[in-house]
Amino acid sequence: MIIERIKGLFAGQLLGKQVTVAGWVRTRRDAGSFSFIEVNDGSTLANLQVIAERTLTNYEDEIKRLTTGCSVVITGELKESPAKGQAVEVLADVVSVVGWADPESYPLQKKRHSFEYLREISHLRPRTNALGAVARVRSHLTHAVHRFFQQRGFFHIHTPVITTSDCEGAGEMFQVLTASEAARKGALPEQGKGFFGKPAGLTVSGQLQAEVYAQALGRVYTFGPTFRAENSNTSRHLAEFWMLEPEMAFCDLSCNMDLAETLLRFLLADVLAECAEDMALFDRFVAQGVIKRLQHIVDNDFIRITYTEAVDRLLSSGKSFDFPVSWGVDLQSEHERFLTEEVYGLPLIVTDYPAAIKPFYMRVGDDGTTVAAMDILVAGIGEIVGGSQREERYDVLLARMQHLGIDDVDYQWYLDLRRYGTVPHSGFGLGFERLVQLVTGMPNIREVIPFPRTPGYAPC
């Protein structure tokens, strides 16, 4: 059985019965005629205490040699524990050693290690308390995402990882080449050549393909890895990251904002309720006060302002920023954090950005200079959600693509969605790692994804 169940809901039913647990030794200490073995199987933060008596046949030659990192299978009676801080313990009848861990070379000893050091041993870092807790919270949030959308009538679709369209239009895509193509040392294959008959890259977003299915099924979402060949070596950027992208037909910008806010508050409330043990660890050792901050977000409506209002607020603050502020420039992380942390103290939804700094697919406003875009900004993170109402008017979309130099031949299928039964529609992208970073309080995004990929770094 897994330790979470033995120590949790089923503890009372199992008292006095035989249980079998499998896991890894955290510590072992001798106490006269027996040894205390702390075992953890990753299902919970708390270890299970096992009492191994000297009478066990392998006590001297195996049990007394157990050190941190060894793997064991233990069968014994689950008993009430007289020790403070734990309700149950196991009196072992059998302790089988499955795998040894050399104490001289095992890199995870019973002490706190820096996150930077743990990145050097990414294959072992999930065995630590903090990174194990991150993995459990990430898993829970993944499940909560699906519950949220399934309960609201959305269909989960799978969009391609290899794509021939650059959704963001920034050219920051990883090329996809066969070995023979790469050996020619050329750039992307010429049109009509190459494995796919045209240049292809790893997706930066599944949005364009999600629009196809939204205009057939009404409400859809895609949730998977995306890739960006951006040379940003910061605590907020990854080269490979996961994106949650819902897309809705017959939904304008207001509808879009409502869904995004409801989703965030749902996910935060759910993780606070269901991951209390792991959240307590983050609150104590990683980011003091993180539980209170998340609860504050859950309990309060988000503030909504326009981009113009945000710029005016920054300009009137009298604060000197590293990146100067003016109407028409994109908001930087320092601007976003100032607004959320020092001005409003709540998540902020900023709308109506200048068209010149946003992608081609966003709906142009009546003023011709702004688009129906929205970003959700949160304290400590900055932008966590970016979305928009999509341009549903064929002529306007085509003119915008031509103005930006986008070849409409390659996007004919996308334009067809505006020719055949076009409808108002909208959607957004939520950076999943930034969500996990918000929840856990981890200062660096590299700690909230199992195997981070950043410029110059790709372990395992």
Foldseek 3Di string as FASTA:
>chain_A
DAVCCCQPDCVVVQAFHKDKDKFWWQAWDDDPQWIWTWGHHLPALGTAIEIEGNPAPCCVPPVVPAGGGWIWMFIFGWHADPDPPGGIHGYTPDIGTDGHDPPVPPPDHPDDDDPVVCLVVLVPVCVDSQLSLLVVLLVVLVVLLVVVQVVVPAAEDEADQKDPDAQFPPPFFAWDADPVVVVVVDDFDDQLDGDVNHTITGAQDRVLVLVVVCLVRFKYKYKAKGAGNDQDPDLQDFRIFIKIKIKGFQAALVNQVVVVLVSLLSSLVVCVVPSVNSLVCLCPPPPPPLNVLSVVQNVDDAAEDEPVVLLVCVVVPPDDDPDDGDQPDDDDQVSQQCCCPPNPVYKYKYFFHFPVVGDLFFAADPVRGTGGKIFIQHHLRGTFKIKHWTHLALVSSVVSCVVVVHPCVVVVVSSVCSVPPTGTMMMMMGGSLSSSCSSSVHNGSCSNDSFTHHVPGGDD
